[in-house]
Amino acid sequence: MDVEGHCVVIAPPGSGKTKLLVTRLAALRTSGGGEARRVMVGG
């Protein structure tokens, strides 16, 4: 999956939202495609 720009994750409790976000951020960081300061997570 390739997402450029804003992305919203809507899912029920226990469905793996946190794992998805952490995995995606790690992939961005290791590929050189993202800066941690440009990622915003809100609740």
C-alpha atoms as a PDB file:
ATOM      1  CA  MET A   1       0.000   0.000   0.000  1.00  0.00           C
ATOM      2  CA  ASP A   2       1.369   3.396  -0.950  1.00  0.00           C
ATOM      3  CA  VAL A   3      -0.250   6.414   0.675  1.00  0.00           C
ATOM      4  CA  GLU A   4       0.856   9.966   0.033  1.00  0.00           C
ATOM      5  CA  GLY A   5      -0.716  12.682   2.149  1.00  0.00           C
ATOM      6  CA  HIS A   6      -3.257  12.215   4.907  1.00  0.00           C
ATOM      7  CA  CYS A   7      -4.454   8.802   6.019  1.00  0.00           C
ATOM      8  CA  VAL A   8      -7.252   7.974   8.473  1.00  0.00           C
ATOM      9  CA  VAL A   9      -7.492   4.588  10.184  1.00  0.00           C
ATOM     10  CA  ILE A  10     -10.955   3.751  11.527  1.00  0.00           C
ATOM     11  CA  ALA A  11     -11.427   0.329  13.099  1.00  0.00           C
ATOM     12  CA  PRO A  12     -12.938  -1.285  16.197  1.00  0.00           C
ATOM     13  CA  PRO A  13     -10.984  -1.988  19.411  1.00  0.00           C
ATOM     14  CA  GLY A  14      -8.512  -4.869  19.196  1.00  0.00           C
ATOM     15  CA  SER A  15      -8.255  -4.809  15.411  1.00  0.00           C
ATOM     16  CA  GLY A  16      -4.543  -3.848  15.238  1.00  0.00           C
ATOM     17  CA  LYS A  17      -4.593  -0.075  14.642  1.00  0.00           C
ATOM     18  CA  THR A  18      -1.552   0.604  16.820  1.00  0.00           C
ATOM     19  CA  LYS A  19       0.427  -2.232  15.215  1.00  0.00           C
ATOM     20  CA  LEU A  20      -0.476  -0.904  11.754  1.00  0.00           C
ATOM     21  CA  LEU A  21       0.683   2.621  12.599  1.00  0.00           C
ATOM     22  CA  VAL A  22       3.937   1.502  14.237  1.00  0.00           C
ATOM     23  CA  THR A  23       4.732  -0.914  11.394  1.00  0.00           C
ATOM     24  CA  ARG A  24       4.009   1.742   8.765  1.00  0.00           C
ATOM     25  CA  LEU A  25       6.136   4.344  10.551  1.00  0.00           C
ATOM     26  CA  ALA A  26       9.016   1.861  10.886  1.00  0.00           C
ATOM     27  CA  ALA A  27       8.798   1.055   7.165  1.00  0.00           C
ATOM     28  CA  LEU A  28       8.865   4.766   6.286  1.00  0.00           C
ATOM     29  CA  ARG A  29      11.878   5.368   8.513  1.00  0.00           C
ATOM     30  CA  THR A  30      13.912   2.406   7.214  1.00  0.00           C
ATOM     31  CA  SER A  31      13.179   3.243   3.577  1.00  0.00           C
ATOM     32  CA  GLY A  32      14.196   6.877   4.092  1.00  0.00           C
ATOM     33  CA  GLY A  33      10.700   7.981   3.069  1.00  0.00           C
ATOM     34  CA  GLY A  34       9.638   9.808   6.199  1.00  0.00           C
ATOM     35  CA  GLU A  35      10.741  12.066   8.986  1.00  0.00           C
ATOM     36  CA  ALA A  36       9.413  11.374  12.484  1.00  0.00           C
ATOM     37  CA  ARG A  37       8.642  15.070  13.028  1.00  0.00           C
ATOM     38  CA  ARG A  38       6.271  15.025  10.017  1.00  0.00           C
ATOM     39  CA  VAL A  39       4.086  12.236  11.438  1.00  0.00           C
ATOM     40  CA  MET A  40       1.147  13.317  13.573  1.00  0.00           C
ATOM     41  CA  VAL A  41      -1.017  10.895  15.529  1.00  0.00           C
ATOM     42  CA  GLY A  42      -4.156  12.236  17.156  1.00  0.00           C
ATOM     43  CA  GLY A  43      -6.873  10.667  19.187  1.00  0.00           C
END
